[in-house]
Amino acid sequence: MKVVISHHVDASEPDEQGFHDYHYEYDIYRFSFAERCYVVRSYRDQPERADFLSCQEGSESRLVGPRDLADPLLAGAVDYLRAAGKTSLERLGAEGYIPLEAP
């Protein structure tokens, strides 16, 4: 399993006093093996939480679903995140974020 972590900041332009309308700081984790990759986001102000955003296979991207729960790559990603202190794991579904039924 290959793990790549990148840091991101999404913020509005500062106003005259230097304040932002919005400011989000987060890390994106990419867990990959062969042609499959799970993309996970963790906001810096919620260090205990990580959200599985998608599963990419080749050029296709989809939501993480129940069939992924048996995937050894997902299990490895869960172990990695838990070792990093992520105790609340969720996945993005069609209706919003739901708890990840961990393997």
PDB file of N, CA and C in Angstrom:
ATOM      1  N   MET A   1       0.851  -1.176   0.000  1.00  0.00           N
ATOM      2  CA  MET A   1       0.000   0.000   0.000  1.00  0.00           C
ATOM      3  C   MET A   1       0.897   1.238   0.000  1.00  0.00           C
ATOM      4  N   LYS A   2       0.592   2.148  -0.886  1.00  0.00           N
ATOM      5  CA  LYS A   2       1.298   3.419  -0.954  1.00  0.00           C
ATOM      6  C   LYS A   2       0.399   4.491  -0.330  1.00  0.00           C
ATOM      7  N   VAL A   3       0.994   5.350   0.511  1.00  0.00           N
ATOM      8  CA  VAL A   3       0.250   6.433   1.162  1.00  0.00           C
ATOM      9  C   VAL A   3       0.894   7.753   0.765  1.00  0.00           C
ATOM     10  N   VAL A   4       0.071   8.659   0.227  1.00  0.00           N
ATOM     11  CA  VAL A   4       0.528  10.013  -0.103  1.00  0.00           C
ATOM     12  C   VAL A   4      -0.379  10.984   0.634  1.00  0.00           C
ATOM     13  N   ILE A   5       0.235  11.908   1.369  1.00  0.00           N
ATOM     14  CA  ILE A   5      -0.520  12.899   2.138  1.00  0.00           C
ATOM     15  C   ILE A   5      -0.169  14.283   1.601  1.00  0.00           C
ATOM     16  N   SER A   6      -1.208  15.071   1.321  1.00  0.00           N
ATOM     17  CA  SER A   6      -0.981  16.450   0.874  1.00  0.00           C
ATOM     18  C   SER A   6      -1.813  17.398   1.735  1.00  0.00           C
ATOM     19  N   HIS A   7      -1.246  18.555   1.999  1.00  0.00           N
ATOM     20  CA  HIS A   7      -1.898  19.571   2.833  1.00  0.00           C
ATOM     21  C   HIS A   7      -2.548  20.613   1.927  1.00  0.00           C
ATOM     22  N   HIS A   8      -3.759  21.070   2.304  1.00  0.00           N
ATOM     23  CA  HIS A   8      -4.499  22.029   1.492  1.00  0.00           C
ATOM     24  C   HIS A   8      -5.105  23.125   2.362  1.00  0.00           C
ATOM     25  N   VAL A   9      -5.234  24.306   1.782  1.00  0.00           N
ATOM     26  CA  VAL A   9      -5.928  25.427   2.421  1.00  0.00           C
ATOM     27  C   VAL A   9      -6.908  25.984   1.401  1.00  0.00           C
ATOM     28  N   ASP A  10      -8.162  26.083   1.810  1.00  0.00           N
ATOM     29  CA  ASP A  10      -9.210  26.667   0.976  1.00  0.00           C
ATOM     30  C   ASP A  10      -9.731  27.870   1.758  1.00  0.00           C
ATOM     31  N   ALA A  11      -9.464  29.067   1.257  1.00  0.00           N
ATOM     32  CA  ALA A  11      -9.840  30.273   1.993  1.00  0.00           C
ATOM     33  C   ALA A  11     -10.250  31.383   1.030  1.00  0.00           C
ATOM     34  N   SER A  12     -11.143  32.219   1.525  1.00  0.00           N
ATOM     35  CA  SER A  12     -11.525  33.398   0.747  1.00  0.00           C
ATOM     36  C   SER A  12     -10.397  34.414   0.813  1.00  0.00           C
ATOM     37  N   GLU A  13     -10.479  35.396  -0.036  1.00  0.00           N
ATOM     38  CA  GLU A  13      -9.516  36.499   0.035  1.00  0.00           C
ATOM     39  C   GLU A  13      -9.744  37.252   1.349  1.00  0.00           C
ATOM     40  N   PRO A  14      -8.675  37.731   1.976  1.00  0.00           N
ATOM     41  CA  PRO A  14      -8.870  38.481   3.224  1.00  0.00           C
ATOM     42  C   PRO A  14      -9.544  39.830   2.962  1.00  0.00           C
ATOM     43  N   ASP A  15     -10.354  40.249   3.946  1.00  0.00           N
ATOM     44  CA  ASP A  15     -10.975  41.567   3.824  1.00  0.00           C
ATOM     45  C   ASP A  15      -9.972  42.640   4.235  1.00  0.00           C
ATOM     46  N   GLU A  16     -10.429  43.876   4.367  1.00  0.00           N
ATOM     47  CA  GLU A  16      -9.524  44.994   4.673  1.00  0.00           C
ATOM     48  C   GLU A  16      -8.819  44.825   6.011  1.00  0.00           C
ATOM     49  N   GLN A  17      -9.447  44.093   6.939  1.00  0.00           N
ATOM     50  CA  GLN A  17      -8.832  43.881   8.259  1.00  0.00           C
ATOM     51  C   GLN A  17      -8.061  42.561   8.327  1.00  0.00           C
ATOM     52  N   GLY A  18      -7.986  41.840   7.218  1.00  0.00           N
ATOM     53  CA  GLY A  18      -7.221  40.603   7.171  1.00  0.00           C
ATOM     54  C   GLY A  18      -8.006  39.358   7.529  1.00  0.00           C
ATOM     55  N   PHE A  19      -9.316  39.491   7.701  1.00  0.00           N
ATOM     56  CA  PHE A  19     -10.145  38.336   8.052  1.00  0.00           C
ATOM     57  C   PHE A  19     -10.693  37.675   6.785  1.00  0.00           C
ATOM     58  N   HIS A  20     -10.929  36.370   6.892  1.00  0.00           N
ATOM     59  CA  HIS A  20     -11.474  35.595   5.779  1.00  0.00           C
ATOM     60  C   HIS A  20     -12.950  35.300   6.034  1.00  0.00           C
ATOM     61  N   ASP A  21     -13.748  35.270   4.971  1.00  0.00           N
ATOM     62  CA  ASP A  21     -15.139  34.818   5.095  1.00  0.00           C
ATOM     63  C   ASP A  21     -15.160  33.331   5.429  1.00  0.00           C
ATOM     64  N   TYR A  22     -14.225  32.585   4.854  1.00  0.00           N
ATOM     65  CA  TYR A  22     -14.091  31.157   5.168  1.00  0.00           C
ATOM     66  C   TYR A  22     -12.628  30.760   5.071  1.00  0.00           C
ATOM     67  N   HIS A  23     -12.263  29.769   5.861  1.00  0.00           N
ATOM     68  CA  HIS A  23     -10.890  29.277   5.884  1.00  0.00           C
ATOM     69  C   HIS A  23     -10.914  27.824   6.347  1.00  0.00           C
ATOM     70  N   TYR A  24     -10.573  26.908   5.449  1.00  0.00           N
ATOM     71  CA  TYR A  24     -10.540  25.487   5.755  1.00  0.00           C
ATOM     72  C   TYR A  24      -9.136  24.967   5.511  1.00  0.00           C
ATOM     73  N   GLU A  25      -8.632  24.221   6.468  1.00  0.00           N
ATOM     74  CA  GLU A  25      -7.307  23.636   6.342  1.00  0.00           C
ATOM     75  C   GLU A  25      -7.459  22.129   6.555  1.00  0.00           C
ATOM     76  N   TYR A  26      -6.943  21.348   5.612  1.00  0.00           N
ATOM     77  CA  TYR A  26      -7.151  19.905   5.686  1.00  0.00           C
ATOM     78  C   TYR A  26      -6.027  19.156   4.978  1.00  0.00           C
ATOM     79  N   ASP A  27      -5.972  17.854   5.286  1.00  0.00           N
ATOM     80  CA  ASP A  27      -5.031  16.957   4.629  1.00  0.00           C
ATOM     81  C   ASP A  27      -5.819  15.955   3.797  1.00  0.00           C
ATOM     82  N   ILE A  28      -5.292  15.650   2.629  1.00  0.00           N
ATOM     83  CA  ILE A  28      -5.847  14.606   1.775  1.00  0.00           C
ATOM     84  C   ILE A  28      -4.880  13.417   1.822  1.00  0.00           C
ATOM     85  N   TYR A  29      -5.429  12.263   2.155  1.00  0.00           N
ATOM     86  CA  TYR A  29      -4.687  11.006   2.165  1.00  0.00           C
ATOM     87  C   TYR A  29      -5.111  10.209   0.931  1.00  0.00           C
ATOM     88  N   ARG A  30      -4.138   9.658   0.243  1.00  0.00           N
ATOM     89  CA  ARG A  30      -4.421   8.797  -0.912  1.00  0.00           C
ATOM     90  C   ARG A  30      -3.754   7.450  -0.633  1.00  0.00           C
ATOM     91  N   PHE A  31      -4.599   6.427  -0.446  1.00  0.00           N
ATOM     92  CA  PHE A  31      -4.135   5.070  -0.186  1.00  0.00           C
ATOM     93  C   PHE A  31      -4.292   4.292  -1.485  1.00  0.00           C
ATOM     94  N   SER A  32      -3.189   3.799  -2.024  1.00  0.00           N
ATOM     95  CA  SER A  32      -3.290   3.149  -3.328  1.00  0.00           C
ATOM     96  C   SER A  32      -2.519   1.838  -3.378  1.00  0.00           C
ATOM     97  N   PHE A  33      -3.019   0.979  -4.243  1.00  0.00           N
ATOM     98  CA  PHE A  33      -2.363  -0.275  -4.583  1.00  0.00           C
ATOM     99  C   PHE A  33      -2.850  -0.645  -5.976  1.00  0.00           C
ATOM    100  N   ALA A  34      -1.917  -0.883  -6.858  1.00  0.00           N
ATOM    101  CA  ALA A  34      -2.236  -1.197  -8.260  1.00  0.00           C
ATOM    102  C   ALA A  34      -3.089  -0.067  -8.833  1.00  0.00           C
ATOM    103  N   GLU A  35      -4.250  -0.375  -9.365  1.00  0.00           N
ATOM    104  CA  GLU A  35      -5.106   0.630 -10.018  1.00  0.00           C
ATOM    105  C   GLU A  35      -6.153   1.242  -9.083  1.00  0.00           C
ATOM    106  N   ARG A  36      -6.201   0.813  -7.824  1.00  0.00           N
ATOM    107  CA  ARG A  36      -7.231   1.286  -6.893  1.00  0.00           C
ATOM    108  C   ARG A  36      -6.642   2.290  -5.908  1.00  0.00           C
ATOM    109  N   CYS A  37      -7.432   3.325  -5.592  1.00  0.00           N
ATOM    110  CA  CYS A  37      -7.001   4.371  -4.664  1.00  0.00           C
ATOM    111  C   CYS A  37      -8.210   4.856  -3.856  1.00  0.00           C
ATOM    112  N   TYR A  38      -8.041   4.920  -2.530  1.00  0.00           N
ATOM    113  CA  TYR A  38      -9.060   5.526  -1.670  1.00  0.00           C
ATOM    114  C   TYR A  38      -8.588   6.924  -1.298  1.00  0.00           C
ATOM    115  N   VAL A  39      -9.488   7.897  -1.432  1.00  0.00           N
ATOM    116  CA  VAL A  39      -9.184   9.291  -1.128  1.00  0.00           C
ATOM    117  C   VAL A  39      -9.912   9.658   0.167  1.00  0.00           C
ATOM    118  N   VAL A  40      -9.145  10.183   1.127  1.00  0.00           N
ATOM    119  CA  VAL A  40      -9.659  10.498   2.460  1.00  0.00           C
ATOM    120  C   VAL A  40      -9.271  11.925   2.806  1.00  0.00           C
ATOM    121  N   ARG A  41     -10.205  12.649   3.462  1.00  0.00           N
ATOM    122  CA  ARG A  41      -9.925  14.028   3.898  1.00  0.00           C
ATOM    123  C   ARG A  41     -10.038  14.105   5.415  1.00  0.00           C
ATOM    124  N   SER A  42      -9.122  14.862   6.028  1.00  0.00           N
ATOM    125  CA  SER A  42      -9.167  15.118   7.463  1.00  0.00           C
ATOM    126  C   SER A  42      -8.886  16.593   7.706  1.00  0.00           C
ATOM    127  N   TYR A  43      -9.877  17.279   8.290  1.00  0.00           N
ATOM    128  CA  TYR A  43      -9.711  18.702   8.595  1.00  0.00           C
ATOM    129  C   TYR A  43      -8.805  18.877   9.804  1.00  0.00           C
ATOM    130  N   ARG A  44      -7.975  19.901   9.772  1.00  0.00           N
ATOM    131  CA  ARG A  44      -7.026  20.155  10.852  1.00  0.00           C
ATOM    132  C   ARG A  44      -7.717  20.497  12.176  1.00  0.00           C
ATOM    133  N   ASP A  45      -8.919  21.104  12.123  1.00  0.00           N
ATOM    134  CA  ASP A  45      -9.601  21.463  13.369  1.00  0.00           C
ATOM    135  C   ASP A  45     -10.422  20.300  13.936  1.00  0.00           C
ATOM    136  N   GLN A  46     -10.422  19.153  13.268  1.00  0.00           N
ATOM    137  CA  GLN A  46     -11.060  17.926  13.758  1.00  0.00           C
ATOM    138  C   GLN A  46     -10.071  16.773  13.576  1.00  0.00           C
ATOM    139  N   PRO A  47      -8.968  16.787  14.316  1.00  0.00           N
ATOM    140  CA  PRO A  47      -7.898  15.813  14.068  1.00  0.00           C
ATOM    141  C   PRO A  47      -8.291  14.365  14.318  1.00  0.00           C
ATOM    142  N   GLU A  48      -9.379  14.131  15.037  1.00  0.00           N
ATOM    143  CA  GLU A  48      -9.803  12.756  15.319  1.00  0.00           C
ATOM    144  C   GLU A  48     -10.676  12.167  14.207  1.00  0.00           C
ATOM    145  N   ARG A  49     -11.066  12.985  13.242  1.00  0.00           N
ATOM    146  CA  ARG A  49     -12.007  12.547  12.214  1.00  0.00           C
ATOM    147  C   ARG A  49     -11.337  12.451  10.843  1.00  0.00           C
ATOM    148  N   ALA A  50     -11.769  11.445  10.068  1.00  0.00           N
ATOM    149  CA  ALA A  50     -11.326  11.303   8.678  1.00  0.00           C
ATOM    150  C   ALA A  50     -12.506  10.790   7.865  1.00  0.00           C
ATOM    151  N   ASP A  51     -12.672  11.334   6.672  1.00  0.00           N
ATOM    152  CA  ASP A  51     -13.794  10.999   5.805  1.00  0.00           C
ATOM    153  C   ASP A  51     -13.299  10.391   4.498  1.00  0.00           C
ATOM    154  N   PHE A  52     -13.784   9.184   4.182  1.00  0.00           N
ATOM    155  CA  PHE A  52     -13.491   8.557   2.903  1.00  0.00           C
ATOM    156  C   PHE A  52     -14.373   9.228   1.859  1.00  0.00           C
ATOM    157  N   LEU A  53     -13.756   9.891   0.895  1.00  0.00           N
ATOM    158  CA  LEU A  53     -14.486  10.660  -0.117  1.00  0.00           C
ATOM    159  C   LEU A  53     -14.803   9.852  -1.364  1.00  0.00           C
ATOM    160  N   SER A  54     -13.855   9.030  -1.802  1.00  0.00           N
ATOM    161  CA  SER A  54     -14.079   8.295  -3.044  1.00  0.00           C
ATOM    162  C   SER A  54     -13.126   7.124  -3.163  1.00  0.00           C
ATOM    163  N   CYS A  55     -13.459   6.265  -4.116  1.00  0.00           N
ATOM    164  CA  CYS A  55     -12.583   5.186  -4.533  1.00  0.00           C
ATOM    165  C   CYS A  55     -12.327   5.411  -6.023  1.00  0.00           C
ATOM    166  N   GLN A  56     -11.071   5.461  -6.388  1.00  0.00           N
ATOM    167  CA  GLN A  56     -10.714   5.646  -7.791  1.00  0.00           C
ATOM    168  C   GLN A  56     -10.110   4.348  -8.313  1.00  0.00           C
ATOM    169  N   GLU A  57     -10.607   3.915  -9.455  1.00  0.00           N
ATOM    170  CA  GLU A  57     -10.074   2.722 -10.114  1.00  0.00           C
ATOM    171  C   GLU A  57      -9.782   3.108 -11.549  1.00  0.00           C
ATOM    172  N   GLY A  58      -8.504   3.210 -11.866  1.00  0.00           N
ATOM    173  CA  GLY A  58      -8.127   3.695 -13.186  1.00  0.00           C
ATOM    174  C   GLY A  58      -8.596   5.120 -13.346  1.00  0.00           C
ATOM    175  N   SER A  59      -9.374   5.385 -14.380  1.00  0.00           N
ATOM    176  CA  SER A  59      -9.876   6.742 -14.613  1.00  0.00           C
ATOM    177  C   SER A  59     -11.281   6.953 -14.039  1.00  0.00           C
ATOM    178  N   GLU A  60     -11.834   5.915 -13.398  1.00  0.00           N
ATOM    179  CA  GLU A  60     -13.186   6.003 -12.825  1.00  0.00           C
ATOM    180  C   GLU A  60     -13.118   6.362 -11.345  1.00  0.00           C
ATOM    181  N   SER A  61     -14.080   7.165 -10.900  1.00  0.00           N
ATOM    182  CA  SER A  61     -14.187   7.537  -9.487  1.00  0.00           C
ATOM    183  C   SER A  61     -15.619   7.286  -9.034  1.00  0.00           C
ATOM    184  N   ARG A  62     -15.765   6.757  -7.816  1.00  0.00           N
ATOM    185  CA  ARG A  62     -17.086   6.468  -7.276  1.00  0.00           C
ATOM    186  C   ARG A  62     -17.051   6.638  -5.758  1.00  0.00           C
ATOM    187  N   LEU A  63     -18.227   6.677  -5.152  1.00  0.00           N
ATOM    188  CA  LEU A  63     -18.318   6.727  -3.700  1.00  0.00           C
ATOM    189  C   LEU A  63     -17.894   5.386  -3.112  1.00  0.00           C
ATOM    190  N   VAL A  64     -17.405   5.411  -1.896  1.00  0.00           N
ATOM    191  CA  VAL A  64     -17.045   4.191  -1.185  1.00  0.00           C
ATOM    192  C   VAL A  64     -18.338   3.538  -0.714  1.00  0.00           C
ATOM    193  N   GLY A  65     -18.533   2.285  -1.086  1.00  0.00           N
ATOM    194  CA  GLY A  65     -19.770   1.592  -0.760  1.00  0.00           C
ATOM    195  C   GLY A  65     -19.544   0.361   0.095  1.00  0.00           C
ATOM    196  N   PRO A  66     -20.628  -0.316   0.437  1.00  0.00           N
ATOM    197  CA  PRO A  66     -20.530  -1.517   1.278  1.00  0.00           C
ATOM    198  C   PRO A  66     -19.603  -2.590   0.716  1.00  0.00           C
ATOM    199  N   ARG A  67     -19.533  -2.705  -0.612  1.00  0.00           N
ATOM    200  CA  ARG A  67     -18.660  -3.739  -1.194  1.00  0.00           C
ATOM    201  C   ARG A  67     -17.187  -3.481  -0.903  1.00  0.00           C
ATOM    202  N   ASP A  68     -16.834  -2.220  -0.616  1.00  0.00           N
ATOM    203  CA  ASP A  68     -15.439  -1.880  -0.322  1.00  0.00           C
ATOM    204  C   ASP A  68     -14.999  -2.354   1.057  1.00  0.00           C
ATOM    205  N   LEU A  69     -15.955  -2.645   1.937  1.00  0.00           N
ATOM    206  CA  LEU A  69     -15.613  -2.999   3.312  1.00  0.00           C
ATOM    207  C   LEU A  69     -14.782  -4.272   3.408  1.00  0.00           C
ATOM    208  N   ALA A  70     -14.852  -5.127   2.414  1.00  0.00           N
ATOM    209  CA  ALA A  70     -14.059  -6.358   2.392  1.00  0.00           C
ATOM    210  C   ALA A  70     -12.724  -6.180   1.672  1.00  0.00           C
ATOM    211  N   ASP A  71     -12.444  -4.999   1.168  1.00  0.00           N
ATOM    212  CA  ASP A  71     -11.219  -4.745   0.411  1.00  0.00           C
ATOM    213  C   ASP A  71     -10.025  -4.627   1.365  1.00  0.00           C
ATOM    214  N   PRO A  72      -8.981  -5.433   1.174  1.00  0.00           N
ATOM    215  CA  PRO A  72      -7.795  -5.327   2.030  1.00  0.00           C
ATOM    216  C   PRO A  72      -7.146  -3.940   1.996  1.00  0.00           C
ATOM    217  N   LEU A  73      -7.243  -3.236   0.872  1.00  0.00           N
ATOM    218  CA  LEU A  73      -6.680  -1.885   0.796  1.00  0.00           C
ATOM    219  C   LEU A  73      -7.435  -0.948   1.734  1.00  0.00           C
ATOM    220  N   LEU A  74      -8.752  -1.046   1.780  1.00  0.00           N
ATOM    221  CA  LEU A  74      -9.525  -0.222   2.698  1.00  0.00           C
ATOM    222  C   LEU A  74      -9.174  -0.575   4.143  1.00  0.00           C
ATOM    223  N   ALA A  75      -9.028  -1.868   4.432  1.00  0.00           N
ATOM    224  CA  ALA A  75      -8.641  -2.290   5.782  1.00  0.00           C
ATOM    225  C   ALA A  75      -7.287  -1.704   6.170  1.00  0.00           C
ATOM    226  N   GLY A  76      -6.351  -1.694   5.228  1.00  0.00           N
ATOM    227  CA  GLY A  76      -5.044  -1.094   5.486  1.00  0.00           C
ATOM    228  C   GLY A  76      -5.134   0.397   5.731  1.00  0.00           C
ATOM    229  N   ALA A  77      -5.994   1.070   4.977  1.00  0.00           N
ATOM    230  CA  ALA A  77      -6.191   2.511   5.168  1.00  0.00           C
ATOM    231  C   ALA A  77      -6.790   2.793   6.541  1.00  0.00           C
ATOM    232  N   VAL A  78      -7.773   1.982   6.944  1.00  0.00           N
ATOM    233  CA  VAL A  78      -8.393   2.143   8.268  1.00  0.00           C
ATOM    234  C   VAL A  78      -7.342   1.952   9.360  1.00  0.00           C
ATOM    235  N   ASP A  79      -6.528   0.919   9.257  1.00  0.00           N
ATOM    236  CA  ASP A  79      -5.473   0.681  10.251  1.00  0.00           C
ATOM    237  C   ASP A  79      -4.502   1.860  10.319  1.00  0.00           C
ATOM    238  N   TYR A  80      -4.119   2.370   9.173  1.00  0.00           N
ATOM    239  CA  TYR A  80      -3.192   3.502   9.107  1.00  0.00           C
ATOM    240  C   TYR A  80      -3.804   4.725   9.802  1.00  0.00           C
ATOM    241  N   LEU A  81      -5.050   5.023   9.470  1.00  0.00           N
ATOM    242  CA  LEU A  81      -5.704   6.198  10.047  1.00  0.00           C
ATOM    243  C   LEU A  81      -5.904   6.059  11.547  1.00  0.00           C
ATOM    244  N   ARG A  82      -6.285   4.881  11.998  1.00  0.00           N
ATOM    245  CA  ARG A  82      -6.448   4.666  13.442  1.00  0.00           C
ATOM    246  C   ARG A  82      -5.114   4.830  14.166  1.00  0.00           C
ATOM    247  N   ALA A  83      -4.033   4.329  13.579  1.00  0.00           N
ATOM    248  CA  ALA A  83      -2.703   4.497  14.180  1.00  0.00           C
ATOM    249  C   ALA A  83      -2.300   5.964  14.237  1.00  0.00           C
ATOM    250  N   ALA A  84      -2.867   6.780  13.330  1.00  0.00           N
ATOM    251  CA  ALA A  84      -2.589   8.227  13.301  1.00  0.00           C
ATOM    252  C   ALA A  84      -3.529   9.004  14.222  1.00  0.00           C
ATOM    253  N   GLY A  85      -4.376   8.286  14.994  1.00  0.00           N
ATOM    254  CA  GLY A  85      -5.259   8.955  15.951  1.00  0.00           C
ATOM    255  C   GLY A  85      -6.637   9.291  15.439  1.00  0.00           C
ATOM    256  N   LYS A  86      -6.985   8.800  14.277  1.00  0.00           N
ATOM    257  CA  LYS A  86      -8.325   9.063  13.714  1.00  0.00           C
ATOM    258  C   LYS A  86      -9.304   8.044  14.301  1.00  0.00           C
ATOM    259  N   THR A  87     -10.144   8.475  15.216  1.00  0.00           N
ATOM    260  CA  THR A  87     -11.071   7.575  15.897  1.00  0.00           C
ATOM    261  C   THR A  87     -12.476   7.636  15.316  1.00  0.00           C
ATOM    262  N   SER A  88     -12.772   8.656  14.534  1.00  0.00           N
ATOM    263  CA  SER A  88     -14.082   8.803  13.906  1.00  0.00           C
ATOM    264  C   SER A  88     -13.891   8.721  12.392  1.00  0.00           C
ATOM    265  N   LEU A  89     -14.314   7.599  11.807  1.00  0.00           N
ATOM    266  CA  LEU A  89     -14.155   7.384  10.376  1.00  0.00           C
ATOM    267  C   LEU A  89     -15.535   7.346   9.730  1.00  0.00           C
ATOM    268  N   GLU A  90     -15.703   8.141   8.697  1.00  0.00           N
ATOM    269  CA  GLU A  90     -16.969   8.184   7.972  1.00  0.00           C
ATOM    270  C   GLU A  90     -16.692   8.073   6.482  1.00  0.00           C
ATOM    271  N   ARG A  91     -17.766   7.829   5.729  1.00  0.00           N
ATOM    272  CA  ARG A  91     -17.642   7.785   4.275  1.00  0.00           C
ATOM    273  C   ARG A  91     -18.750   8.639   3.682  1.00  0.00           C
ATOM    274  N   LEU A  92     -18.453   9.258   2.577  1.00  0.00           N
ATOM    275  CA  LEU A  92     -19.423  10.070   1.864  1.00  0.00           C
ATOM    276  C   LEU A  92     -20.333   9.137   1.084  1.00  0.00           C
ATOM    277  N   GLY A  93     -21.632   9.250   1.348  1.00  0.00           N
ATOM    278  CA  GLY A  93     -22.622   8.459   0.633  1.00  0.00           C
ATOM    279  C   GLY A  93     -23.559   9.381  -0.126  1.00  0.00           C
ATOM    280  N   ALA A  94     -24.510   8.810  -0.801  1.00  0.00           N
ATOM    281  CA  ALA A  94     -25.467   9.591  -1.589  1.00  0.00           C
ATOM    282  C   ALA A  94     -26.272  10.553  -0.715  1.00  0.00           C
ATOM    283  N   GLU A  95     -26.461  10.204   0.551  1.00  0.00           N
ATOM    284  CA  GLU A  95     -27.259  11.035   1.476  1.00  0.00           C
ATOM    285  C   GLU A  95     -26.386  11.882   2.401  1.00  0.00           C
ATOM    286  N   GLY A  96     -25.084  11.912   2.193  1.00  0.00           N
ATOM    287  CA  GLY A  96     -24.185  12.664   3.060  1.00  0.00           C
ATOM    288  C   GLY A  96     -23.198  11.726   3.735  1.00  0.00           C
ATOM    289  N   TYR A  97     -22.634  12.162   4.850  1.00  0.00           N
ATOM    290  CA  TYR A  97     -21.624  11.365   5.553  1.00  0.00           C
ATOM    291  C   TYR A  97     -22.284  10.364   6.488  1.00  0.00           C
ATOM    292  N   ILE A  98     -21.778   9.130   6.450  1.00  0.00           N
ATOM    293  CA  ILE A  98     -22.284   8.071   7.321  1.00  0.00           C
ATOM    294  C   ILE A  98     -21.081   7.358   7.937  1.00  0.00           C
ATOM    295  N   PRO A  99     -21.260   6.761   9.118  1.00  0.00           N
ATOM    296  CA  PRO A  99     -20.134   6.034   9.733  1.00  0.00           C
ATOM    297  C   PRO A  99     -19.627   4.930   8.827  1.00  0.00           C
ATOM    298  N   LEU A 100     -18.323   4.782   8.828  1.00  0.00           N
ATOM    299  CA  LEU A 100     -17.705   3.697   8.057  1.00  0.00           C
ATOM    300  C   LEU A 100     -17.832   2.436   8.893  1.00  0.00           C
ATOM    301  N   GLU A 101     -18.477   1.440   8.357  1.00  0.00           N
ATOM    302  CA  GLU A 101     -18.592   0.153   9.028  1.00  0.00           C
ATOM    303  C   GLU A 101     -17.278  -0.553   8.837  1.00  0.00           C
ATOM    304  N   ALA A 102     -16.366  -0.307   9.768  1.00  0.00           N
ATOM    305  CA  ALA A 102     -14.984  -0.759   9.600  1.00  0.00           C
ATOM    306  C   ALA A 102     -14.877  -2.277   9.505  1.00  0.00           C
ATOM    307  N   PRO A 103     -13.941  -2.722   8.685  1.00  0.00           N
ATOM    308  CA  PRO A 103     -13.715  -4.161   8.554  1.00  0.00           C
ATOM    309  C   PRO A 103     -13.139  -4.739   9.843  1.00  0.00           C
TER     310      PRO A 103
END
